[in-house]
Structure formats: structure tokens, C-alpha cells
mmCIF file of all heavy atoms, coordinates in Angstrom:
data_MODEL
# 
_entry.id   MODEL 
# 
loop_
_atom_site.group_PDB 
_atom_site.id 
_atom_site.type_symbol 
_atom_site.label_atom_id 
_atom_site.label_alt_id 
_atom_site.label_comp_id 
_atom_site.label_asym_id 
_atom_site.label_entity_id 
_atom_site.label_seq_id 
_atom_site.pdbx_PDB_ins_code 
_atom_site.Cartn_x 
_atom_site.Cartn_y 
_atom_site.Cartn_z 
_atom_site.occupancy 
_atom_site.B_iso_or_equiv 
_atom_site.pdbx_formal_charge 
_atom_site.auth_seq_id 
_atom_site.auth_comp_id 
_atom_site.auth_asym_id 
_atom_site.auth_atom_id 
_atom_site.pdbx_PDB_model_num 
ATOM 1   N N   . SER A 1 1  ? 0.816  -1.223  0.000   1.00 0.00 ? 1  SER A N   1 
ATOM 2   C CA  . SER A 1 1  ? 0.000  0.000   0.000   1.00 0.00 ? 1  SER A CA  1 
ATOM 3   C C   . SER A 1 1  ? 0.846  1.268   0.000   1.00 0.00 ? 1  SER A C   1 
ATOM 4   O O   . SER A 1 1  ? 0.335  2.358   -0.251  1.00 0.00 ? 1  SER A O   1 
ATOM 5   C CB  . SER A 1 1  ? -0.928 0.014   1.218   1.00 0.00 ? 1  SER A CB  1 
ATOM 6   O OG  . SER A 1 1  ? -0.189 0.108   2.423   1.00 0.00 ? 1  SER A OG  1 
ATOM 7   N N   . ARG A 1 2  ? 2.146  1.148   0.286   1.00 0.00 ? 2  ARG A N   1 
ATOM 8   C CA  . ARG A 1 2  ? 3.036  2.323   0.333   1.00 0.00 ? 2  ARG A CA  1 
ATOM 9   C C   . ARG A 1 2  ? 4.315  2.072   -0.466  1.00 0.00 ? 2  ARG A C   1 
ATOM 10  O O   . ARG A 1 2  ? 5.362  2.597   -0.129  1.00 0.00 ? 2  ARG A O   1 
ATOM 11  C CB  . ARG A 1 2  ? 3.434  2.626   1.793   1.00 0.00 ? 2  ARG A CB  1 
ATOM 12  C CG  . ARG A 1 2  ? 2.316  2.735   2.797   1.00 0.00 ? 2  ARG A CG  1 
ATOM 13  C CD  . ARG A 1 2  ? 1.513  4.003   2.663   1.00 0.00 ? 2  ARG A CD  1 
ATOM 14  N NE  . ARG A 1 2  ? 0.760  4.291   3.869   1.00 0.00 ? 2  ARG A NE  1 
ATOM 15  C CZ  . ARG A 1 2  ? -0.297 3.612   4.284   1.00 0.00 ? 2  ARG A CZ  1 
ATOM 16  N NH1 . ARG A 1 2  ? -0.709 2.544   3.609   1.00 0.00 ? 2  ARG A NH1 1 
ATOM 17  N NH2 . ARG A 1 2  ? -0.949 3.970   5.377   1.00 0.00 ? 2  ARG A NH2 1 
ATOM 18  N N   . ARG A 1 3  ? 4.230  1.268   -1.496  1.00 0.00 ? 3  ARG A N   1 
ATOM 19  C CA  . ARG A 1 3  ? 5.444  0.796   -2.162  1.00 0.00 ? 3  ARG A CA  1 
ATOM 20  C C   . ARG A 1 3  ? 6.308  1.928   -2.712  1.00 0.00 ? 3  ARG A C   1 
ATOM 21  O O   . ARG A 1 3  ? 7.544  1.894   -2.609  1.00 0.00 ? 3  ARG A O   1 
ATOM 22  C CB  . ARG A 1 3  ? 5.089  -0.181  -3.284  1.00 0.00 ? 3  ARG A CB  1 
ATOM 23  C CG  . ARG A 1 3  ? 6.307  -0.784  -3.979  1.00 0.00 ? 3  ARG A CG  1 
ATOM 24  C CD  . ARG A 1 3  ? 5.935  -1.947  -4.845  1.00 0.00 ? 3  ARG A CD  1 
ATOM 25  N NE  . ARG A 1 3  ? 5.408  -3.047  -4.072  1.00 0.00 ? 3  ARG A NE  1 
ATOM 26  C CZ  . ARG A 1 3  ? 6.163  -3.939  -3.442  1.00 0.00 ? 3  ARG A CZ  1 
ATOM 27  N NH1 . ARG A 1 3  ? 7.485  -3.831  -3.473  1.00 0.00 ? 3  ARG A NH1 1 
ATOM 28  N NH2 . ARG A 1 3  ? 5.618  -4.922  -2.763  1.00 0.00 ? 3  ARG A NH2 1 
ATOM 29  N N   . ALA A 1 4  ? 5.691  2.938   -3.302  1.00 0.00 ? 4  ALA A N   1 
ATOM 30  C CA  . ALA A 1 4  ? 6.480  4.030   -3.897  1.00 0.00 ? 4  ALA A CA  1 
ATOM 31  C C   . ALA A 1 4  ? 7.334  4.703   -2.835  1.00 0.00 ? 4  ALA A C   1 
ATOM 32  O O   . ALA A 1 4  ? 8.540  4.942   -3.040  1.00 0.00 ? 4  ALA A O   1 
ATOM 33  C CB  . ALA A 1 4  ? 5.545  5.035   -4.565  1.00 0.00 ? 4  ALA A CB  1 
ATOM 34  N N   . TRP A 1 5  ? 6.740  5.069   -1.691  1.00 0.00 ? 5  TRP A N   1 
ATOM 35  C CA  . TRP A 1 5  ? 7.524  5.706   -0.625  1.00 0.00 ? 5  TRP A CA  1 
ATOM 36  C C   . TRP A 1 5  ? 8.539  4.740   -0.060  1.00 0.00 ? 5  TRP A C   1 
ATOM 37  O O   . TRP A 1 5  ? 9.695  5.104   0.180   1.00 0.00 ? 5  TRP A O   1 
ATOM 38  C CB  . TRP A 1 5  ? 6.595  6.181   0.494   1.00 0.00 ? 5  TRP A CB  1 
ATOM 39  C CG  . TRP A 1 5  ? 7.355  6.640   1.704   1.00 0.00 ? 5  TRP A CG  1 
ATOM 40  C CD1 . TRP A 1 5  ? 7.920  7.851   1.897   1.00 0.00 ? 5  TRP A CD1 1 
ATOM 41  C CD2 . TRP A 1 5  ? 7.662  5.865   2.876   1.00 0.00 ? 5  TRP A CD2 1 
ATOM 42  N NE1 . TRP A 1 5  ? 8.558  7.898   3.120   1.00 0.00 ? 5  TRP A NE1 1 
ATOM 43  C CE2 . TRP A 1 5  ? 8.421  6.684   3.743   1.00 0.00 ? 5  TRP A CE2 1 
ATOM 44  C CE3 . TRP A 1 5  ? 7.364  4.563   3.282   1.00 0.00 ? 5  TRP A CE3 1 
ATOM 45  C CZ2 . TRP A 1 5  ? 8.883  6.247   4.973   1.00 0.00 ? 5  TRP A CZ2 1 
ATOM 46  C CZ3 . TRP A 1 5  ? 7.831  4.120   4.511   1.00 0.00 ? 5  TRP A CZ3 1 
ATOM 47  C CH2 . TRP A 1 5  ? 8.580  4.963   5.344   1.00 0.00 ? 5  TRP A CH2 1 
ATOM 48  N N   . TRP A 1 6  ? 8.122  3.486   0.152   1.00 0.00 ? 6  TRP A N   1 
ATOM 49  C CA  . TRP A 1 6  ? 8.987  2.489   0.773   1.00 0.00 ? 6  TRP A CA  1 
ATOM 50  C C   . TRP A 1 6  ? 10.233 2.250   -0.068  1.00 0.00 ? 6  TRP A C   1 
ATOM 51  O O   . TRP A 1 6  ? 11.346 2.226   0.453   1.00 0.00 ? 6  TRP A O   1 
ATOM 52  C CB  . TRP A 1 6  ? 8.191  1.195   0.952   1.00 0.00 ? 6  TRP A CB  1 
ATOM 53  C CG  . TRP A 1 6  ? 8.888  0.127   1.751   1.00 0.00 ? 6  TRP A CG  1 
ATOM 54  C CD1 . TRP A 1 6  ? 8.998  0.055   3.102   1.00 0.00 ? 6  TRP A CD1 1 
ATOM 55  C CD2 . TRP A 1 6  ? 9.562  -1.019  1.222   1.00 0.00 ? 6  TRP A CD2 1 
ATOM 56  N NE1 . TRP A 1 6  ? 9.696  -1.077  3.463   1.00 0.00 ? 6  TRP A NE1 1 
ATOM 57  C CE2 . TRP A 1 6  ? 10.054 -1.745  2.330   1.00 0.00 ? 6  TRP A CE2 1 
ATOM 58  C CE3 . TRP A 1 6  ? 9.785  -1.507  -0.063  1.00 0.00 ? 6  TRP A CE3 1 
ATOM 59  C CZ2 . TRP A 1 6  ? 10.759 -2.936  2.175   1.00 0.00 ? 6  TRP A CZ2 1 
ATOM 60  C CZ3 . TRP A 1 6  ? 10.490 -2.690  -0.220  1.00 0.00 ? 6  TRP A CZ3 1 
ATOM 61  C CH2 . TRP A 1 6  ? 10.982 -3.391  0.890   1.00 0.00 ? 6  TRP A CH2 1 
ATOM 62  N N   . GLU A 1 7  ? 10.078 2.114   -1.371  1.00 0.00 ? 7  GLU A N   1 
ATOM 63  C CA  . GLU A 1 7  ? 11.221 1.865   -2.244  1.00 0.00 ? 7  GLU A CA  1 
ATOM 64  C C   . GLU A 1 7  ? 12.043 3.124   -2.490  1.00 0.00 ? 7  GLU A C   1 
ATOM 65  O O   . GLU A 1 7  ? 13.217 3.042   -2.869  1.00 0.00 ? 7  GLU A O   1 
ATOM 66  C CB  . GLU A 1 7  ? 10.754 1.279   -3.578  1.00 0.00 ? 7  GLU A CB  1 
ATOM 67  C CG  . GLU A 1 7  ? 10.208 -0.134  -3.460  1.00 0.00 ? 7  GLU A CG  1 
ATOM 68  C CD  . GLU A 1 7  ? 9.956  -0.775  -4.825  1.00 0.00 ? 7  GLU A CD  1 
ATOM 69  O OE1 . GLU A 1 7  ? 10.130 -0.067  -5.840  1.00 0.00 ? 7  GLU A OE1 1 
ATOM 70  O OE2 . GLU A 1 7  ? 9.591  -1.970  -4.854  1.00 0.00 ? 7  GLU A OE2 1 
ATOM 71  N N   . SER A 1 8  ? 11.434 4.295   -2.266  1.00 0.00 ? 8  SER A N   1 
ATOM 72  C CA  . SER A 1 8  ? 12.178 5.540   -2.482  1.00 0.00 ? 8  SER A CA  1 
ATOM 73  C C   . SER A 1 8  ? 13.320 5.712   -1.497  1.00 0.00 ? 8  SER A C   1 
ATOM 74  O O   . SER A 1 8  ? 14.235 6.518   -1.725  1.00 0.00 ? 8  SER A O   1 
ATOM 75  C CB  . SER A 1 8  ? 11.231 6.742   -2.374  1.00 0.00 ? 8  SER A CB  1 
ATOM 76  O OG  . SER A 1 8  ? 10.804 6.931   -1.018  1.00 0.00 ? 8  SER A OG  1 
ATOM 77  N N   . LEU A 1 9  ? 13.301 4.976   -0.398  1.00 0.00 ? 9  LEU A N   1 
ATOM 78  C CA  . LEU A 1 9  ? 14.357 5.077   0.613   1.00 0.00 ? 9  LEU A CA  1 
ATOM 79  C C   . LEU A 1 9  ? 15.571 4.231   0.262   1.00 0.00 ? 9  LEU A C   1 
ATOM 80  O O   . LEU A 1 9  ? 16.596 4.312   0.944   1.00 0.00 ? 9  LEU A O   1 
ATOM 81  C CB  . LEU A 1 9  ? 13.807 4.651   1.977   1.00 0.00 ? 9  LEU A CB  1 
ATOM 82  C CG  . LEU A 1 9  ? 12.642 5.495   2.508   1.00 0.00 ? 9  LEU A CG  1 
ATOM 83  C CD1 . LEU A 1 9  ? 12.118 4.925   3.806   1.00 0.00 ? 9  LEU A CD1 1 
ATOM 84  C CD2 . LEU A 1 9  ? 13.067 6.940   2.702   1.00 0.00 ? 9  LEU A CD2 1 
ATOM 85  N N   . LEU A 1 10 ? 15.465 3.406   -0.777  1.00 0.00 ? 10 LEU A N   1 
ATOM 86  C CA  . LEU A 1 10 ? 16.588 2.569   -1.184  1.00 0.00 ? 10 LEU A CA  1 
ATOM 87  C C   . LEU A 1 10 ? 17.552 3.379   -2.049  1.00 0.00 ? 10 LEU A C   1 
ATOM 88  O O   . LEU A 1 10 ? 17.135 4.168   -2.895  1.00 0.00 ? 10 LEU A O   1 
ATOM 89  C CB  . LEU A 1 10 ? 16.085 1.361   -1.972  1.00 0.00 ? 10 LEU A CB  1 
ATOM 90  C CG  . LEU A 1 10 ? 15.219 0.362   -1.199  1.00 0.00 ? 10 LEU A CG  1 
ATOM 91  C CD1 . LEU A 1 10 ? 14.642 -0.673  -2.153  1.00 0.00 ? 10 LEU A CD1 1 
ATOM 92  C CD2 . LEU A 1 10 ? 16.032 -0.322  -0.106  1.00 0.00 ? 10 LEU A CD2 1 
ATOM 93  N N   . PRO A 1 11 ? 18.855 3.191   -1.882  1.00 0.00 ? 11 PRO A N   1 
ATOM 94  C CA  . PRO A 1 11 ? 19.825 3.921   -2.710  1.00 0.00 ? 11 PRO A CA  1 
ATOM 95  C C   . PRO A 1 11 ? 19.879 3.345   -4.123  1.00 0.00 ? 11 PRO A C   1 
ATOM 96  O O   . PRO A 1 11 ? 19.409 2.235   -4.380  1.00 0.00 ? 11 PRO A O   1 
ATOM 97  C CB  . PRO A 1 11 ? 21.149 3.689   -1.964  1.00 0.00 ? 11 PRO A CB  1 
ATOM 98  C CG  . PRO A 1 11 ? 20.951 2.371   -1.268  1.00 0.00 ? 11 PRO A CG  1 
ATOM 99  C CD  . PRO A 1 11 ? 19.500 2.332   -0.881  1.00 0.00 ? 11 PRO A CD  1 
ATOM 100 N N   . GLU A 1 12 ? 20.458 4.112   -5.010  1.00 0.00 ? 12 GLU A N   1 
ATOM 101 C CA  . GLU A 1 12 ? 20.636 3.638   -6.379  1.00 0.00 ? 12 GLU A CA  1 
ATOM 102 C C   . GLU A 1 12 ? 21.624 2.471   -6.386  1.00 0.00 ? 12 GLU A C   1 
ATOM 103 O O   . GLU A 1 12 ? 22.667 2.502   -5.728  1.00 0.00 ? 12 GLU A O   1 
ATOM 104 C CB  . GLU A 1 12 ? 21.155 4.770   -7.267  1.00 0.00 ? 12 GLU A CB  1 
ATOM 105 C CG  . GLU A 1 12 ? 20.162 5.908   -7.446  1.00 0.00 ? 12 GLU A CG  1 
ATOM 106 C CD  . GLU A 1 12 ? 18.944 5.468   -8.239  1.00 0.00 ? 12 GLU A CD  1 
ATOM 107 O OE1 . GLU A 1 12 ? 19.076 4.517   -9.043  1.00 0.00 ? 12 GLU A OE1 1 
ATOM 108 O OE2 . GLU A 1 12 ? 17.865 6.071   -8.047  1.00 0.00 ? 12 GLU A OE2 1 
ATOM 109 N N   . ALA A 1 13 ? 21.282 1.427   -7.155  1.00 0.00 ? 13 ALA A N   1 
ATOM 110 C CA  . ALA A 1 13 ? 22.152 0.248   -7.205  1.00 0.00 ? 13 ALA A CA  1 
ATOM 111 C C   . ALA A 1 13 ? 21.815 -0.556  -8.444  1.00 0.00 ? 13 ALA A C   1 
ATOM 112 O O   . ALA A 1 13 ? 20.797 -0.317  -9.104  1.00 0.00 ? 13 ALA A O   1 
ATOM 113 C CB  . ALA A 1 13 ? 21.985 -0.599  -5.945  1.00 0.00 ? 13 ALA A CB  1 
ATOM 114 N N   . SER A 1 14 ? 22.699 -1.504  -8.745  1.00 0.00 ? 14 SER A N   1 
ATOM 115 C CA  . SER A 1 14 ? 22.437 -2.398  -9.866  1.00 0.00 ? 14 SER A CA  1 
ATOM 116 C C   . SER A 1 14 ? 21.253 -3.303  -9.532  1.00 0.00 ? 14 SER A C   1 
ATOM 117 O O   . SER A 1 14 ? 20.824 -3.392  -8.382  1.00 0.00 ? 14 SER A O   1 
ATOM 118 C CB  . SER A 1 14 ? 23.679 -3.237  -10.163 1.00 0.00 ? 14 SER A CB  1 
ATOM 119 O OG  . SER A 1 14 ? 23.974 -4.081  -9.058  1.00 0.00 ? 14 SER A OG  1 
ATOM 120 N N   . GLU A 1 15 ? 20.750 -3.978  -10.561 1.00 0.00 ? 15 GLU A N   1 
ATOM 121 C CA  . GLU A 1 15 ? 19.569 -4.811  -10.360 1.00 0.00 ? 15 GLU A CA  1 
ATOM 122 C C   . GLU A 1 15 ? 19.823 -5.924  -9.354  1.00 0.00 ? 15 GLU A C   1 
ATOM 123 O O   . GLU A 1 15 ? 18.982 -6.206  -8.507  1.00 0.00 ? 15 GLU A O   1 
ATOM 124 C CB  . GLU A 1 15 ? 19.133 -5.408  -11.703 1.00 0.00 ? 15 GLU A CB  1 
ATOM 125 C CG  . GLU A 1 15 ? 17.820 -6.193  -11.615 1.00 0.00 ? 15 GLU A CG  1 
ATOM 126 C CD  . GLU A 1 15 ? 17.343 -6.655  -12.973 1.00 0.00 ? 15 GLU A CD  1 
ATOM 127 O OE1 . GLU A 1 15 ? 17.874 -6.156  -13.998 1.00 0.00 ? 15 GLU A OE1 1 
ATOM 128 O OE2 . GLU A 1 15 ? 16.444 -7.508  -13.017 1.00 0.00 ? 15 GLU A OE2 1 
ATOM 129 N N   . SER A 1 16 ? 20.994 -6.556  -9.426  1.00 0.00 ? 16 SER A N   1 
ATOM 130 C CA  . SER A 1 16 ? 21.305 -7.645  -8.495  1.00 0.00 ? 16 SER A CA  1 
ATOM 131 C C   . SER A 1 16 ? 21.466 -7.123  -7.067  1.00 0.00 ? 16 SER A C   1 
ATOM 132 O O   . SER A 1 16 ? 20.998 -7.735  -6.106  1.00 0.00 ? 16 SER A O   1 
ATOM 133 C CB  . SER A 1 16 ? 22.585 -8.363  -8.936  1.00 0.00 ? 16 SER A CB  1 
ATOM 134 O OG  . SER A 1 16 ? 23.682 -7.458  -8.967  1.00 0.00 ? 16 SER A OG  1 
ATOM 135 N N   . GLN A 1 17 ? 22.125 -5.964  -6.920  1.00 0.00 ? 17 GLN A N   1 
ATOM 136 C CA  . GLN A 1 17 ? 22.291 -5.379  -5.591  1.00 0.00 ? 17 GLN A CA  1 
ATOM 137 C C   . GLN A 1 17 ? 20.966 -4.884  -5.033  1.00 0.00 ? 17 GLN A C   1 
ATOM 138 O O   . GLN A 1 17 ? 20.713 -4.978  -3.834  1.00 0.00 ? 17 GLN A O   1 
ATOM 139 C CB  . GLN A 1 17 ? 23.305 -4.230  -5.646  1.00 0.00 ? 17 GLN A CB  1 
ATOM 140 C CG  . GLN A 1 17 ? 24.726 -4.666  -5.924  1.00 0.00 ? 17 GLN A CG  1 
ATOM 141 C CD  . GLN A 1 17 ? 25.667 -3.478  -6.043  1.00 0.00 ? 17 GLN A CD  1 
ATOM 142 O OE1 . GLN A 1 17 ? 25.275 -2.406  -6.518  1.00 0.00 ? 17 GLN A OE1 1 
ATOM 143 N NE2 . GLN A 1 17 ? 26.910 -3.667  -5.610  1.00 0.00 ? 17 GLN A NE2 1 
ATOM 144 N N   . ARG A 1 18 ? 20.127 -4.355  -5.902  1.00 0.00 ? 18 ARG A N   1 
ATOM 145 C CA  . ARG A 1 18 ? 18.844 -3.817  -5.458  1.00 0.00 ? 18 ARG A CA  1 
ATOM 146 C C   . ARG A 1 18 ? 17.957 -4.921  -4.865  1.00 0.00 ? 18 ARG A C   1 
ATOM 147 O O   . ARG A 1 18 ? 17.255 -4.693  -3.884  1.00 0.00 ? 18 ARG A O   1 
ATOM 148 C CB  . ARG A 1 18 ? 18.130 -3.131  -6.621  1.00 0.00 ? 18 ARG A CB  1 
ATOM 149 C CG  . ARG A 1 18 ? 16.835 -2.429  -6.214  1.00 0.00 ? 18 ARG A CG  1 
ATOM 150 C CD  . ARG A 1 18 ? 16.254 -1.629  -7.360  1.00 0.00 ? 18 ARG A CD  1 
ATOM 151 N NE  . ARG A 1 18 ? 14.991 -1.002  -6.989  1.00 0.00 ? 18 ARG A NE  1 
ATOM 152 C CZ  . ARG A 1 18 ? 14.891 0.125   -6.294  1.00 0.00 ? 18 ARG A CZ  1 
ATOM 153 N NH1 . ARG A 1 18 ? 15.988 0.746   -5.903  1.00 0.00 ? 18 ARG A NH1 1 
ATOM 154 N NH2 . ARG A 1 18 ? 13.709 0.656   -6.018  1.00 0.00 ? 18 ARG A NH2 1 
ATOM 155 N N   . ALA A 1 19 ? 18.014 -6.100  -5.435  1.00 0.00 ? 19 ALA A N   1 
ATOM 156 C CA  . ALA A 1 19 ? 17.218 -7.216  -4.909  1.00 0.00 ? 19 ALA A CA  1 
ATOM 157 C C   . ALA A 1 19 ? 17.626 -7.539  -3.473  1.00 0.00 ? 19 ALA A C   1 
ATOM 158 O O   . ALA A 1 19 ? 16.771 -7.779  -2.607  1.00 0.00 ? 19 ALA A O   1 
ATOM 159 C CB  . ALA A 1 19 ? 17.390 -8.442  -5.799  1.00 0.00 ? 19 ALA A CB  1 
ATOM 160 N N   . LYS A 1 20 ? 18.928 -7.516  -3.198  1.00 0.00 ? 20 LYS A N   1 
ATOM 161 C CA  . LYS A 1 20 ? 19.409 -7.769  -1.838  1.00 0.00 ? 20 LYS A CA  1 
ATOM 162 C C   . LYS A 1 20 ? 18.990 -6.641  -0.896  1.00 0.00 ? 20 LYS A C   1 
ATOM 163 O O   . LYS A 1 20 ? 18.626 -6.885  0.255   1.00 0.00 ? 20 LYS A O   1 
ATOM 164 C CB  . LYS A 1 20 ? 20.923 -7.925  -1.843  1.00 0.00 ? 20 LYS A CB  1 
ATOM 165 C CG  . LYS A 1 20 ? 21.417 -9.156  -2.584  1.00 0.00 ? 20 LYS A CG  1 
ATOM 166 C CD  . LYS A 1 20 ? 22.934 -9.237  -2.537  1.00 0.00 ? 20 LYS A CD  1 
ATOM 167 C CE  . LYS A 1 20 ? 23.442 -10.471 -3.286  1.00 0.00 ? 20 LYS A CE  1 
ATOM 168 N NZ  . LYS A 1 20 ? 24.928 -10.549 -3.267  1.00 0.00 ? 20 LYS A NZ  1 
ATOM 169 N N   . MET A 1 21 ? 19.059 -5.410  -1.397  1.00 0.00 ? 21 MET A N   1 
ATOM 170 C CA  . MET A 1 21 ? 18.668 -4.268  -0.565  1.00 0.00 ? 21 MET A CA  1 
ATOM 171 C C   . MET A 1 21 ? 17.188 -4.310  -0.216  1.00 0.00 ? 21 MET A C   1 
ATOM 172 O O   . MET A 1 21 ? 16.791 -4.004  0.910   1.00 0.00 ? 21 MET A O   1 
ATOM 173 C CB  . MET A 1 21 ? 18.994 -2.961  -1.295  1.00 0.00 ? 21 MET A CB  1 
ATOM 174 C CG  . MET A 1 21 ? 20.474 -2.669  -1.415  1.00 0.00 ? 21 MET A CG  1 
ATOM 175 S SD  . MET A 1 21 ? 20.788 -1.120  -2.302  1.00 0.00 ? 21 MET A SD  1 
ATOM 176 C CE  . MET A 1 21 ? 22.586 -1.072  -2.256  1.00 0.00 ? 21 MET A CE  1 
ATOM 177 N N   . ILE A 1 22 ? 16.368 -4.702  -1.179  1.00 0.00 ? 22 ILE A N   1 
ATOM 178 C CA  . ILE A 1 22 ? 14.929 -4.795  -0.923  1.00 0.00 ? 22 ILE A CA  1 
ATOM 179 C C   . ILE A 1 22 ? 14.646 -5.834  0.152   1.00 0.00 ? 22 ILE A C   1 
ATOM 180 O O   . ILE A 1 22 ? 13.834 -5.609  1.053   1.00 0.00 ? 22 ILE A O   1 
ATOM 181 C CB  . ILE A 1 22 ? 14.182 -5.135  -2.235  1.00 0.00 ? 22 ILE A CB  1 
ATOM 182 C CG1 . ILE A 1 22 ? 14.162 -3.918  -3.168  1.00 0.00 ? 22 ILE A CG1 1 
ATOM 183 C CG2 . ILE A 1 22 ? 12.759 -5.605  -1.939  1.00 0.00 ? 22 ILE A CG2 1 
ATOM 184 C CD1 . ILE A 1 22 ? 13.492 -4.166  -4.494  1.00 0.00 ? 22 ILE A CD1 1 
ATOM 185 N N   . GLU A 1 23 ? 15.338 -6.969  0.067   1.00 0.00 ? 23 GLU A N   1 
ATOM 186 C CA  . GLU A 1 23 ? 15.122 -8.017  1.062   1.00 0.00 ? 23 GLU A CA  1 
ATOM 187 C C   . GLU A 1 23 ? 15.574 -7.561  2.450   1.00 0.00 ? 23 GLU A C   1 
ATOM 188 O O   . GLU A 1 23 ? 14.915 -7.820  3.458   1.00 0.00 ? 23 GLU A O   1 
ATOM 189 C CB  . GLU A 1 23 ? 15.881 -9.279  0.653   1.00 0.00 ? 23 GLU A CB  1 
ATOM 190 C CG  . GLU A 1 23 ? 15.604 -10.483 1.548   1.00 0.00 ? 23 GLU A CG  1 
ATOM 191 C CD  . GLU A 1 23 ? 14.132 -10.838 1.609   1.00 0.00 ? 23 GLU A CD  1 
ATOM 192 O OE1 . GLU A 1 23 ? 13.418 -10.658 0.592   1.00 0.00 ? 23 GLU A OE1 1 
ATOM 193 O OE2 . GLU A 1 23 ? 13.663 -11.275 2.681   1.00 0.00 ? 23 GLU A OE2 1 
ATOM 194 N N   . ALA A 1 24 ? 16.718 -6.865  2.515   1.00 0.00 ? 24 ALA A N   1 
ATOM 195 C CA  . ALA A 1 24 ? 17.210 -6.366  3.800   1.00 0.00 ? 24 ALA A CA  1 
ATOM 196 C C   . ALA A 1 24 ? 16.263 -5.309  4.370   1.00 0.00 ? 24 ALA A C   1 
ATOM 197 O O   . ALA A 1 24 ? 15.995 -5.277  5.574   1.00 0.00 ? 24 ALA A O   1 
ATOM 198 C CB  . ALA A 1 24 ? 18.612 -5.787  3.635   1.00 0.00 ? 24 ALA A CB  1 
ATOM 199 N N   . TRP A 1 25 ? 15.748 -4.418  3.511   1.00 0.00 ? 25 TRP A N   1 
ATOM 200 C CA  . TRP A 1 25 ? 14.826 -3.376  3.948   1.00 0.00 ? 25 TRP A CA  1 
ATOM 201 C C   . TRP A 1 25 ? 13.504 -3.981  4.412   1.00 0.00 ? 25 TRP A C   1 
ATOM 202 O O   . TRP A 1 25 ? 12.877 -3.511  5.348   1.00 0.00 ? 25 TRP A O   1 
ATOM 203 C CB  . TRP A 1 25 ? 14.633 -2.389  2.813   1.00 0.00 ? 25 TRP A CB  1 
ATOM 204 C CG  . TRP A 1 25 ? 13.731 -1.205  3.012   1.00 0.00 ? 25 TRP A CG  1 
ATOM 205 C CD1 . TRP A 1 25 ? 13.045 -0.571  2.023   1.00 0.00 ? 25 TRP A CD1 1 
ATOM 206 C CD2 . TRP A 1 25 ? 13.429 -0.477  4.214   1.00 0.00 ? 25 TRP A CD2 1 
ATOM 207 N NE1 . TRP A 1 25 ? 12.336 0.487   2.526   1.00 0.00 ? 25 TRP A NE1 1 
ATOM 208 C CE2 . TRP A 1 25 ? 12.552 0.569   3.885   1.00 0.00 ? 25 TRP A CE2 1 
ATOM 209 C CE3 . TRP A 1 25 ? 13.833 -0.623  5.546   1.00 0.00 ? 25 TRP A CE3 1 
ATOM 210 C CZ2 . TRP A 1 25 ? 12.048 1.465   4.815   1.00 0.00 ? 25 TRP A CZ2 1 
ATOM 211 C CZ3 . TRP A 1 25 ? 13.331 0.277   6.492   1.00 0.00 ? 25 TRP A CZ3 1 
ATOM 212 C CH2 . TRP A 1 25 ? 12.449 1.300   6.122   1.00 0.00 ? 25 TRP A CH2 1 
ATOM 213 N N   . ARG A 1 26 ? 13.097 -5.074  3.761   1.00 0.00 ? 26 ARG A N   1 
ATOM 214 C CA  . ARG A 1 26 ? 11.879 -5.769  4.181   1.00 0.00 ? 26 ARG A CA  1 
ATOM 215 C C   . ARG A 1 26 ? 12.064 -6.366  5.587   1.00 0.00 ? 26 ARG A C   1 
ATOM 216 O O   . ARG A 1 26 ? 11.180 -6.269  6.433   1.00 0.00 ? 26 ARG A O   1 
ATOM 217 C CB  . ARG A 1 26 ? 11.529 -6.868  3.185   1.00 0.00 ? 26 ARG A CB  1 
ATOM 218 C CG  . ARG A 1 26 ? 10.170 -7.545  3.434   1.00 0.00 ? 26 ARG A CG  1 
ATOM 219 C CD  . ARG A 1 26 ? 9.979  -8.711  2.488   1.00 0.00 ? 26 ARG A CD  1 
ATOM 220 N NE  . ARG A 1 26 ? 10.152 -8.301  1.099   1.00 0.00 ? 26 ARG A NE  1 
ATOM 221 C CZ  . ARG A 1 26 ? 9.183  -7.768  0.358   1.00 0.00 ? 26 ARG A CZ  1 
ATOM 222 N NH1 . ARG A 1 26 ? 7.979  -7.592  0.883   1.00 0.00 ? 26 ARG A NH1 1 
ATOM 223 N NH2 . ARG A 1 26 ? 9.415  -7.425  -0.889  1.00 0.00 ? 26 ARG A NH2 1 
ATOM 224 N N   . SER A 1 27 ? 13.217 -6.969  5.818   1.00 0.00 ? 27 SER A N   1 
ATOM 225 C CA  . SER A 1 27 ? 13.495 -7.538  7.141   1.00 0.00 ? 27 SER A CA  1 
ATOM 226 C C   . SER A 1 27 ? 13.536 -6.451  8.206   1.00 0.00 ? 27 SER A C   1 
ATOM 227 O O   . SER A 1 27 ? 13.050 -6.637  9.327   1.00 0.00 ? 27 SER A O   1 
ATOM 228 C CB  . SER A 1 27 ? 14.828 -8.301  7.121   1.00 0.00 ? 27 SER A CB  1 
ATOM 229 O OG  . SER A 1 27 ? 14.774 -9.390  6.225   1.00 0.00 ? 27 SER A OG  1 
# 
């Protein structure tokens, strides 16, 4: 329900790195 804001806090990264960052941010 808040994906745009939630993902906006992630730094710029490659696609492979971004997947790891998303999982860490989810945890």
C-alpha cells in the first residue's frame, strides 16, 4: 500500500544489488 515511498528510501544500485537491498529493507 506504500510501495512508492517504501522503495524511495533505497539507494541507487544495480539490479542484483537492489534485490538484496529490498530483502534487507523488508526484514
